[in-house]
Amino acid sequence: MSEHVEGEEFATPTPPRPVDLILDKAEEFTRTEVVCLTAWLVAAEGGDLESARLILRTGLLAEHYRSLLSEDPAQITVGQSITLKGLLDEFNRALLRIPVEVRYP
């Protein structure tokens, strides 16, 4: 049994955030868009318009495909998961064309 030390404060645990599948999907969508637009801007400002277009096309395609899938991961089929992974892989390959570290997590 542990003793209470006078003046010692105990942190109250923060209750877990309730699962909100729609919010989780929106956050994922937003992360993809932020990475896409940041990388697009880096490429465009650097004068690499070919890479800028490729980044924009692959990033937005992955983002929009994900938006069409269910917010409930249990409802996403294996085929849809494979397609999404392929689109994100293509997006990450496009991101390798710019000289800064911007990657989709």
Protein backbone atom coordinates (compact mmCIF):
# COMPACT_ATOMS: atom_id res chain seq x y z
CA MET A 1 0.00 0.00 0.00
CA SER A 2 1.43 3.36 -0.96
CA GLU A 3 1.49 6.29 1.40
CA HIS A 4 0.13 9.71 0.56
CA VAL A 5 2.85 12.33 0.83
CA GLU A 6 1.61 15.70 2.09
CA GLY A 7 1.53 18.25 -0.76
CA GLU A 8 1.82 15.60 -3.46
CA GLU A 9 -0.61 16.18 -6.29
CA PHE A 10 -2.25 13.40 -8.20
CA ALA A 11 -3.18 13.99 -11.81
CA THR A 12 -6.75 13.27 -12.73
CA PRO A 13 -6.73 11.02 -15.78
CA THR A 14 -8.25 12.56 -18.88
CA PRO A 15 -11.19 10.51 -20.04
CA PRO A 16 -10.70 9.01 -23.50
CA ARG A 17 -12.29 10.84 -26.40
CA PRO A 18 -15.38 8.99 -27.60
CA VAL A 19 -14.91 7.31 -30.93
CA ASP A 20 -16.25 9.52 -33.70
CA LEU A 21 -15.67 7.71 -36.99
CA ILE A 22 -16.82 10.68 -39.07
CA LEU A 23 -14.38 13.02 -37.30
CA ASP A 24 -11.59 10.46 -37.66
CA LYS A 25 -12.26 10.24 -41.40
CA ALA A 26 -12.33 14.05 -41.68
CA GLU A 27 -8.98 14.28 -39.87
CA GLU A 28 -7.45 11.69 -42.21
CA PHE A 29 -8.85 13.54 -45.24
CA THR A 30 -7.45 16.83 -43.92
CA ARG A 31 -3.98 15.36 -43.23
CA THR A 32 -3.80 14.13 -46.81
CA GLU A 33 -4.91 17.50 -48.17
CA VAL A 34 -2.45 19.49 -46.04
CA VAL A 35 0.48 17.32 -47.11
CA CYS A 36 -0.65 17.47 -50.74
CA LEU A 37 -1.06 21.24 -50.86
CA THR A 38 2.15 21.89 -48.90
CA ALA A 39 4.19 19.71 -51.26
CA TRP A 40 2.45 21.14 -54.32
CA LEU A 41 3.34 24.65 -53.17
CA VAL A 42 6.99 23.69 -52.52
CA ALA A 43 7.28 22.20 -56.02
CA ALA A 44 5.46 25.08 -57.73
CA GLU A 45 7.47 27.76 -55.92
CA GLY A 46 10.63 25.88 -56.88
CA GLY A 47 9.62 26.05 -60.53
CA ASP A 48 9.10 22.29 -60.87
CA LEU A 49 5.65 22.41 -62.44
CA GLU A 50 5.75 18.79 -63.61
CA SER A 51 6.27 17.57 -60.03
CA ALA A 52 3.70 20.08 -58.75
CA ARG A 53 1.06 18.68 -61.12
CA LEU A 54 1.96 15.07 -60.27
CA ILE A 55 1.79 15.76 -56.53
CA LEU A 56 -1.54 17.52 -56.89
CA ARG A 57 -3.02 14.75 -59.07
CA THR A 58 -1.87 11.83 -56.91
CA GLY A 59 -2.62 13.53 -53.60
CA LEU A 60 -6.08 14.69 -54.55
CA LEU A 61 -6.92 11.33 -56.11
CA ALA A 62 -5.96 9.51 -52.88
CA GLU A 63 -7.85 12.07 -50.83
CA HIS A 64 -11.01 11.90 -52.91
CA TYR A 65 -10.97 8.11 -53.15
CA ARG A 66 -10.75 7.91 -49.35
CA SER A 67 -13.65 10.34 -49.06
CA LEU A 68 -15.85 7.92 -50.99
CA LEU A 69 -15.14 5.03 -48.63
CA SER A 70 -17.08 4.34 -45.45
CA GLU A 71 -16.01 6.12 -42.30
CA ASP A 72 -16.24 2.74 -40.55
CA PRO A 73 -13.01 0.82 -41.25
CA ALA A 74 -14.90 -2.45 -40.76
CA GLN A 75 -17.03 -1.59 -43.82
CA ILE A 76 -14.04 -1.04 -46.14
CA THR A 77 -13.39 -4.09 -48.33
CA VAL A 78 -10.00 -5.68 -48.83
CA GLY A 79 -10.06 -4.52 -52.45
CA GLN A 80 -10.78 -0.94 -51.42
CA SER A 81 -7.97 -1.06 -48.84
CA ILE A 82 -5.54 -2.33 -51.49
CA THR A 83 -6.63 0.41 -53.92
CA LEU A 84 -6.25 3.11 -51.25
CA LYS A 85 -2.81 1.82 -50.25
CA GLY A 86 -1.74 1.86 -53.90
CA LEU A 87 -2.95 5.45 -54.32
CA LEU A 88 -1.14 6.54 -51.15
CA ASP A 89 2.02 4.75 -52.30
CA GLU A 90 1.82 6.58 -55.64
CA PHE A 91 1.32 9.87 -53.76
CA ASN A 92 4.37 9.19 -51.58
CA ARG A 93 6.47 8.40 -54.67
CA ALA A 94 5.41 11.76 -56.14
CA LEU A 95 6.43 13.45 -52.88
CA LEU A 96 9.95 12.04 -53.28
CA ARG A 97 10.39 14.42 -56.24
CA ILE A 98 10.66 17.48 -54.01
CA PRO A 99 13.80 18.37 -52.04
CA VAL A 100 12.15 18.60 -48.61
CA GLU A 101 10.80 15.99 -46.26
CA VAL A 102 7.04 16.10 -46.75
CA ARG A 103 5.48 12.67 -46.44
CA TYR A 104 2.06 11.35 -45.79
CA PRO A 105 2.14 9.71 -42.35
